[in-house]
């Protein structure tokens, strides 16, 4: 199915920075959201593996080795094309490389990269509390996961972001309001 996509939002940031809040706000504004990590977790489950941080990381690296550096983006586009209804603004949540950004550019030239930043200490505390099955359990595991994320190019995407939001020293509600304002004033005005 071919959809008319006016704008692509590429959401990036290290694990635990607050991407899920941005995703919630996007959904509340009717934006179609594809979470790249979900695609990797689905692929991990298809292989009969426990979807923990180590296995999802390995599967992501295997996909990239086998299908190219934009492999996860390709799988996300496949998922998008299978959807019956898609808004004219689509967000890909969890972009990790400029190769993925370039793959998404095949859907629309109008791309906005949004990066969320939080300190490692803050992110570790959030991930430790979050309790998702693929979250980290120790500082060492956290550092290893960060190294893996950085090794695939997430730092480049963050550095080249069009919009940078800092999610540090704010309540959940304060950050949610800031993101909502960004959507209303900047991202949805075309």
Foldseek 3Di string as FASTA:
>chain_A
DADQAAEEEEEAEAAQLCLVLLVVLCVVVVAAEDELLVLLLVVLVVVVHQSAQVSSLVSLVVQCVVPNLQRSLVSSVVVVVPDPDHDNYYYYGHDQAVVVVVVCVVNPVHYAYEYGDDDLVNSLVSLCPVPDRHGDPDPVVSVVSRVSSVVSHSVVSQVPGPHYHYDYPDDSVVVSVVSNCCCVPPVPPD
